[in-house]
């Protein structure tokens, strides 16, 4: 190892211990604002490409986030959902949990997350609110099974949103059900 590589490792370890100290300090704060700050900091670490070297670290942070997310206010969950919506490597369990949250929180994930599968979307369409369905209706592309589930809801704004979606795949049978 060269002298500059040794110096770099020492700097990385110092930065890592400072990050760990900061996270421990946030974890000790049991207030709502403390939990929010911890979720935000963990989200930053998770999303920062270089911050987590090992899958084990990513798994640990995912587990902590899942446990904390239900204890923080909507604005914090919404900000986390916004950040995860663009990530193809976002933790599936966390994305699913946030996708079933209030519509304001779930919206970015329902509209854009590639982590959600067709079956997940159909399930959410059948179990959640009109606002959840509207977010899903705007997805591009919109798979045929999801379009069918949305149309089955019978909600006019949802059906119109599916028809307006140029990338919606709609089967002849679903079209016939719309015409009826």
C-alpha atoms as a PDB file:
ATOM      1  CA  UNK A   1       0.000   0.000   0.000  1.00  0.00           C
ATOM      2  CA  UNK A   2       1.387   3.389  -0.992  1.00  0.00           C
ATOM      3  CA  UNK A   3       1.626   6.280   1.430  1.00  0.00           C
ATOM      4  CA  UNK A   4      -1.232   8.132  -0.315  1.00  0.00           C
ATOM      5  CA  UNK A   5      -3.445   4.997  -0.175  1.00  0.00           C
ATOM      6  CA  UNK A   6      -2.724   4.671   3.561  1.00  0.00           C
ATOM      7  CA  UNK A   7      -3.676   8.312   4.074  1.00  0.00           C
ATOM      8  CA  UNK A   8      -6.880   7.781   2.084  1.00  0.00           C
ATOM      9  CA  UNK A   9      -7.858   4.757   4.205  1.00  0.00           C
ATOM     10  CA  UNK A  10      -7.193   6.744   7.384  1.00  0.00           C
ATOM     11  CA  UNK A  11      -9.388   9.592   6.120  1.00  0.00           C
ATOM     12  CA  UNK A  12     -12.152   7.119   5.159  1.00  0.00           C
ATOM     13  CA  UNK A  13     -12.045   5.508   8.623  1.00  0.00           C
ATOM     14  CA  UNK A  14     -12.195   8.910  10.311  1.00  0.00           C
ATOM     15  CA  UNK A  15     -15.147   9.959   8.134  1.00  0.00           C
ATOM     16  CA  UNK A  16     -16.837   6.616   8.848  1.00  0.00           C
ATOM     17  CA  UNK A  17     -16.434   6.968  12.598  1.00  0.00           C
ATOM     18  CA  UNK A  18     -17.723  10.550  12.449  1.00  0.00           C
ATOM     19  CA  UNK A  19     -20.767   9.309  10.508  1.00  0.00           C
ATOM     20  CA  UNK A  20     -21.299   6.499  13.012  1.00  0.00           C
ATOM     21  CA  UNK A  21     -20.966   8.926  15.944  1.00  0.00           C
ATOM     22  CA  UNK A  22     -23.502  11.239  14.318  1.00  0.00           C
ATOM     23  CA  UNK A  23     -25.938   8.353  13.707  1.00  0.00           C
ATOM     24  CA  UNK A  24     -25.573   7.154  17.300  1.00  0.00           C
ATOM     25  CA  UNK A  25     -26.241  10.681  18.543  1.00  0.00           C
ATOM     26  CA  UNK A  26     -29.388  10.872  16.408  1.00  0.00           C
ATOM     27  CA  UNK A  27     -30.504   7.403  17.558  1.00  0.00           C
ATOM     28  CA  UNK A  28     -30.298   8.493  21.200  1.00  0.00           C
ATOM     29  CA  UNK A  29     -32.720  11.356  20.519  1.00  0.00           C
ATOM     30  CA  UNK A  30     -36.162   9.772  20.998  1.00  0.00           C
ATOM     31  CA  UNK A  31     -38.101  12.899  20.015  1.00  0.00           C
ATOM     32  CA  UNK A  32     -40.092  13.093  16.786  1.00  0.00           C
ATOM     33  CA  UNK A  33     -37.559  15.513  15.317  1.00  0.00           C
ATOM     34  CA  UNK A  34     -34.715  13.193  16.339  1.00  0.00           C
ATOM     35  CA  UNK A  35     -36.357  10.211  14.627  1.00  0.00           C
ATOM     36  CA  UNK A  36     -36.983  12.337  11.543  1.00  0.00           C
ATOM     37  CA  UNK A  37     -33.351  13.424  11.452  1.00  0.00           C
ATOM     38  CA  UNK A  38     -32.218   9.806  11.819  1.00  0.00           C
ATOM     39  CA  UNK A  39     -34.453   8.616   8.963  1.00  0.00           C
ATOM     40  CA  UNK A  40     -33.171  11.459   6.801  1.00  0.00           C
ATOM     41  CA  UNK A  41     -29.520  10.705   7.625  1.00  0.00           C
ATOM     42  CA  UNK A  42     -29.970   6.972   6.999  1.00  0.00           C
ATOM     43  CA  UNK A  43     -31.733   7.746   3.729  1.00  0.00           C
ATOM     44  CA  UNK A  44     -28.793   9.927   2.712  1.00  0.00           C
ATOM     45  CA  UNK A  45     -26.358   7.131   3.468  1.00  0.00           C
ATOM     46  CA  UNK A  46     -28.462   4.522   1.683  1.00  0.00           C
ATOM     47  CA  UNK A  47     -28.856   6.616  -1.441  1.00  0.00           C
ATOM     48  CA  UNK A  48     -25.226   7.794  -1.589  1.00  0.00           C
ATOM     49  CA  UNK A  49     -23.692   5.306  -4.041  1.00  0.00           C
ATOM     50  CA  UNK A  50     -20.265   5.195  -2.363  1.00  0.00           C
ATOM     51  CA  UNK A  51     -21.328   5.251   1.267  1.00  0.00           C
ATOM     52  CA  UNK A  52     -22.267   1.590   1.599  1.00  0.00           C
ATOM     53  CA  UNK A  53     -19.606  -0.807   0.503  1.00  0.00           C
ATOM     54  CA  UNK A  54     -21.254  -4.044   1.543  1.00  0.00           C
ATOM     55  CA  UNK A  55     -24.672  -5.564   0.962  1.00  0.00           C
ATOM     56  CA  UNK A  56     -24.718  -6.270   4.694  1.00  0.00           C
ATOM     57  CA  UNK A  57     -24.575  -2.529   5.429  1.00  0.00           C
ATOM     58  CA  UNK A  58     -27.385  -1.841   2.945  1.00  0.00           C
ATOM     59  CA  UNK A  59     -29.479  -4.580   4.525  1.00  0.00           C
ATOM     60  CA  UNK A  60     -28.892  -3.208   8.029  1.00  0.00           C
ATOM     61  CA  UNK A  61     -29.849   0.336   7.034  1.00  0.00           C
ATOM     62  CA  UNK A  62     -32.933  -0.967   5.204  1.00  0.00           C
ATOM     63  CA  UNK A  63     -33.992  -2.835   8.350  1.00  0.00           C
ATOM     64  CA  UNK A  64     -33.500   0.247  10.533  1.00  0.00           C
ATOM     65  CA  UNK A  65     -35.395   2.459   8.075  1.00  0.00           C
ATOM     66  CA  UNK A  66     -38.340   0.042   7.931  1.00  0.00           C
ATOM     67  CA  UNK A  67     -38.584   0.077  11.728  1.00  0.00           C
ATOM     68  CA  UNK A  68     -38.329   3.853  12.004  1.00  0.00           C
ATOM     69  CA  UNK A  69     -40.463   4.939   9.054  1.00  0.00           C
ATOM     70  CA  UNK A  70     -43.788   4.328  10.762  1.00  0.00           C
ATOM     71  CA  UNK A  71     -42.736   6.573  13.669  1.00  0.00           C
ATOM     72  CA  UNK A  72     -41.941   9.690  11.649  1.00  0.00           C
ATOM     73  CA  UNK A  73     -44.173  12.374  10.191  1.00  0.00           C
ATOM     74  CA  UNK A  74     -45.596  12.288   6.666  1.00  0.00           C
ATOM     75  CA  UNK A  75     -43.177  14.906   5.329  1.00  0.00           C
ATOM     76  CA  UNK A  76     -40.166  12.749   6.226  1.00  0.00           C
ATOM     77  CA  UNK A  77     -41.732   9.600   4.727  1.00  0.00           C
ATOM     78  CA  UNK A  78     -42.693  11.552   1.603  1.00  0.00           C
ATOM     79  CA  UNK A  79     -39.143  12.884   1.177  1.00  0.00           C
ATOM     80  CA  UNK A  80     -37.762   9.360   1.536  1.00  0.00           C
ATOM     81  CA  UNK A  81     -40.321   8.018  -0.977  1.00  0.00           C
ATOM     82  CA  UNK A  82     -39.336  10.762  -3.454  1.00  0.00           C
ATOM     83  CA  UNK A  83     -35.706   9.738  -3.196  1.00  0.00           C
ATOM     84  CA  UNK A  84     -36.400   6.013  -3.455  1.00  0.00           C
ATOM     85  CA  UNK A  85     -38.773   6.385  -6.428  1.00  0.00           C
ATOM     86  CA  UNK A  86     -35.894   6.870  -8.858  1.00  0.00           C
ATOM     87  CA  UNK A  87     -33.754   4.035  -7.480  1.00  0.00           C
ATOM     88  CA  UNK A  88     -33.852   0.641  -9.200  1.00  0.00           C
ATOM     89  CA  UNK A  89     -31.944  -0.772  -6.213  1.00  0.00           C
ATOM     90  CA  UNK A  90     -34.257   0.623  -3.523  1.00  0.00           C
ATOM     91  CA  UNK A  91     -35.128  -1.916  -0.833  1.00  0.00           C
ATOM     92  CA  UNK A  92     -38.268  -3.710  -1.970  1.00  0.00           C
ATOM     93  CA  UNK A  93     -39.801  -4.119   1.513  1.00  0.00           C
ATOM     94  CA  UNK A  94     -39.392  -0.427   2.265  1.00  0.00           C
ATOM     95  CA  UNK A  95     -40.821   0.576  -1.137  1.00  0.00           C
ATOM     96  CA  UNK A  96     -43.833  -1.706  -0.579  1.00  0.00           C
ATOM     97  CA  UNK A  97     -44.384  -0.323   2.900  1.00  0.00           C
ATOM     98  CA  UNK A  98     -44.283   3.280   1.696  1.00  0.00           C
ATOM     99  CA  UNK A  99     -46.473   2.418  -1.317  1.00  0.00           C
ATOM    100  CA  UNK A 100     -49.254   1.411   1.070  1.00  0.00           C
ATOM    101  CA  UNK A 101     -48.835   4.596   3.113  1.00  0.00           C
ATOM    102  CA  UNK A 102     -50.960   7.743   2.766  1.00  0.00           C
ATOM    103  CA  UNK A 103     -51.415   8.740  -0.874  1.00  0.00           C
ATOM    104  CA  UNK A 104     -49.187  11.816  -0.477  1.00  0.00           C
ATOM    105  CA  UNK A 105     -46.332   9.610   0.716  1.00  0.00           C
ATOM    106  CA  UNK A 106     -46.960   6.761  -1.735  1.00  0.00           C
ATOM    107  CA  UNK A 107     -47.518   8.868  -4.872  1.00  0.00           C
ATOM    108  CA  UNK A 108     -43.914   9.133  -6.179  1.00  0.00           C
ATOM    109  CA  UNK A 109     -43.317   5.414  -5.719  1.00  0.00           C
ATOM    110  CA  UNK A 110     -46.624   4.435  -7.309  1.00  0.00           C
ATOM    111  CA  UNK A 111     -46.010   6.736 -10.245  1.00  0.00           C
ATOM    112  CA  UNK A 112     -42.348   5.944 -10.898  1.00  0.00           C
ATOM    113  CA  UNK A 113     -40.696   3.146  -8.917  1.00  0.00           C
ATOM    114  CA  UNK A 114     -39.333   0.293 -11.022  1.00  0.00           C
ATOM    115  CA  UNK A 115     -39.085  -1.808  -7.858  1.00  0.00           C
ATOM    116  CA  UNK A 116     -42.859  -2.313  -7.802  1.00  0.00           C
ATOM    117  CA  UNK A 117     -44.006  -5.333  -9.782  1.00  0.00           C
ATOM    118  CA  UNK A 118     -47.275  -5.777 -11.692  1.00  0.00           C
ATOM    119  CA  UNK A 119     -48.749  -7.890  -8.897  1.00  0.00           C
ATOM    120  CA  UNK A 120     -47.812  -5.254  -6.313  1.00  0.00           C
ATOM    121  CA  UNK A 121     -49.565  -2.574  -8.352  1.00  0.00           C
ATOM    122  CA  UNK A 122     -52.712  -4.659  -8.891  1.00  0.00           C
ATOM    123  CA  UNK A 123     -52.848  -5.368  -5.159  1.00  0.00           C
ATOM    124  CA  UNK A 124     -52.499  -1.674  -4.305  1.00  0.00           C
ATOM    125  CA  UNK A 125     -55.191  -0.773  -6.873  1.00  0.00           C
ATOM    126  CA  UNK A 126     -57.586  -3.173  -5.163  1.00  0.00           C
ATOM    127  CA  UNK A 127     -56.736  -2.252  -1.576  1.00  0.00           C
ATOM    128  CA  UNK A 128     -56.003   1.462  -1.476  1.00  0.00           C
ATOM    129  CA  UNK A 129     -57.648   4.781  -2.298  1.00  0.00           C
ATOM    130  CA  UNK A 130     -58.633   6.638  -5.462  1.00  0.00           C
ATOM    131  CA  UNK A 131     -55.535   8.827  -5.083  1.00  0.00           C
ATOM    132  CA  UNK A 132     -53.334   5.709  -5.041  1.00  0.00           C
ATOM    133  CA  UNK A 133     -55.088   4.487  -8.199  1.00  0.00           C
ATOM    134  CA  UNK A 134     -54.616   7.870  -9.891  1.00  0.00           C
ATOM    135  CA  UNK A 135     -50.866   7.736  -9.225  1.00  0.00           C
ATOM    136  CA  UNK A 136     -50.672   4.243 -10.721  1.00  0.00           C
ATOM    137  CA  UNK A 137     -52.833   5.208 -13.728  1.00  0.00           C
ATOM    138  CA  UNK A 138     -50.145   7.676 -14.797  1.00  0.00           C
ATOM    139  CA  UNK A 139     -47.292   5.145 -14.798  1.00  0.00           C
ATOM    140  CA  UNK A 140     -45.392   4.721 -18.041  1.00  0.00           C
ATOM    141  CA  UNK A 141     -45.602   2.034 -19.229  1.00  0.00           C
ATOM    142  CA  UNK A 142     -48.817   0.782 -17.664  1.00  0.00           C
ATOM    143  CA  UNK A 143     -49.099  -3.025 -17.988  1.00  0.00           C
ATOM    144  CA  UNK A 144     -52.322  -4.598 -19.244  1.00  0.00           C
ATOM    145  CA  UNK A 145     -53.166  -6.330 -15.937  1.00  0.00           C
ATOM    146  CA  UNK A 146     -52.780  -3.074 -14.035  1.00  0.00           C
ATOM    147  CA  UNK A 147     -54.907  -1.176 -16.561  1.00  0.00           C
ATOM    148  CA  UNK A 148     -57.615  -3.828 -16.188  1.00  0.00           C
ATOM    149  CA  UNK A 149     -57.560  -3.568 -12.382  1.00  0.00           C
ATOM    150  CA  UNK A 150     -57.776   0.220 -12.577  1.00  0.00           C
ATOM    151  CA  UNK A 151     -60.745   0.085 -14.957  1.00  0.00           C
ATOM    152  CA  UNK A 152     -62.431  -2.515 -12.710  1.00  0.00           C
ATOM    153  CA  UNK A 153     -62.438   0.095  -9.936  1.00  0.00           C
ATOM    154  CA  UNK A 154     -65.223   1.805 -11.895  1.00  0.00           C
ATOM    155  CA  UNK A 155     -64.023   5.244 -10.816  1.00  0.00           C
ATOM    156  CA  UNK A 156     -64.470   7.660 -13.694  1.00  0.00           C
ATOM    157  CA  UNK A 157     -61.361   9.816 -13.025  1.00  0.00           C
ATOM    158  CA  UNK A 158     -59.226   6.667 -12.813  1.00  0.00           C
ATOM    159  CA  UNK A 159     -60.647   5.246 -16.056  1.00  0.00           C
ATOM    160  CA  UNK A 160     -60.104   8.589 -17.816  1.00  0.00           C
ATOM    161  CA  UNK A 161     -56.499   8.690 -16.538  1.00  0.00           C
ATOM    162  CA  UNK A 162     -55.883   5.186 -17.935  1.00  0.00           C
ATOM    163  CA  UNK A 163     -57.353   6.205 -21.312  1.00  0.00           C
ATOM    164  CA  UNK A 164     -55.222   9.377 -21.320  1.00  0.00           C
ATOM    165  CA  UNK A 165     -52.042   7.405 -20.628  1.00  0.00           C
ATOM    166  CA  UNK A 166     -50.418   6.923 -24.039  1.00  0.00           C
ATOM    167  CA  UNK A 167     -48.310   4.056 -22.709  1.00  0.00           C
ATOM    168  CA  UNK A 168     -51.180   2.155 -21.114  1.00  0.00           C
ATOM    169  CA  UNK A 169     -51.609  -1.348 -22.462  1.00  0.00           C
ATOM    170  CA  UNK A 170     -55.345  -2.003 -22.624  1.00  0.00           C
ATOM    171  CA  UNK A 171     -56.813  -5.318 -23.702  1.00  0.00           C
ATOM    172  CA  UNK A 172     -59.870  -5.515 -25.988  1.00  0.00           C
ATOM    173  CA  UNK A 173     -61.817  -6.990 -23.050  1.00  0.00           C
ATOM    174  CA  UNK A 174     -60.950  -4.000 -20.847  1.00  0.00           C
ATOM    175  CA  UNK A 175     -61.993  -1.617 -23.664  1.00  0.00           C
ATOM    176  CA  UNK A 176     -65.322  -3.437 -23.926  1.00  0.00           C
ATOM    177  CA  UNK A 177     -65.890  -3.083 -20.182  1.00  0.00           C
ATOM    178  CA  UNK A 178     -65.270   0.670 -20.473  1.00  0.00           C
ATOM    179  CA  UNK A 179     -67.839   1.023 -23.274  1.00  0.00           C
ATOM    180  CA  UNK A 180     -70.573  -0.821 -21.339  1.00  0.00           C
END
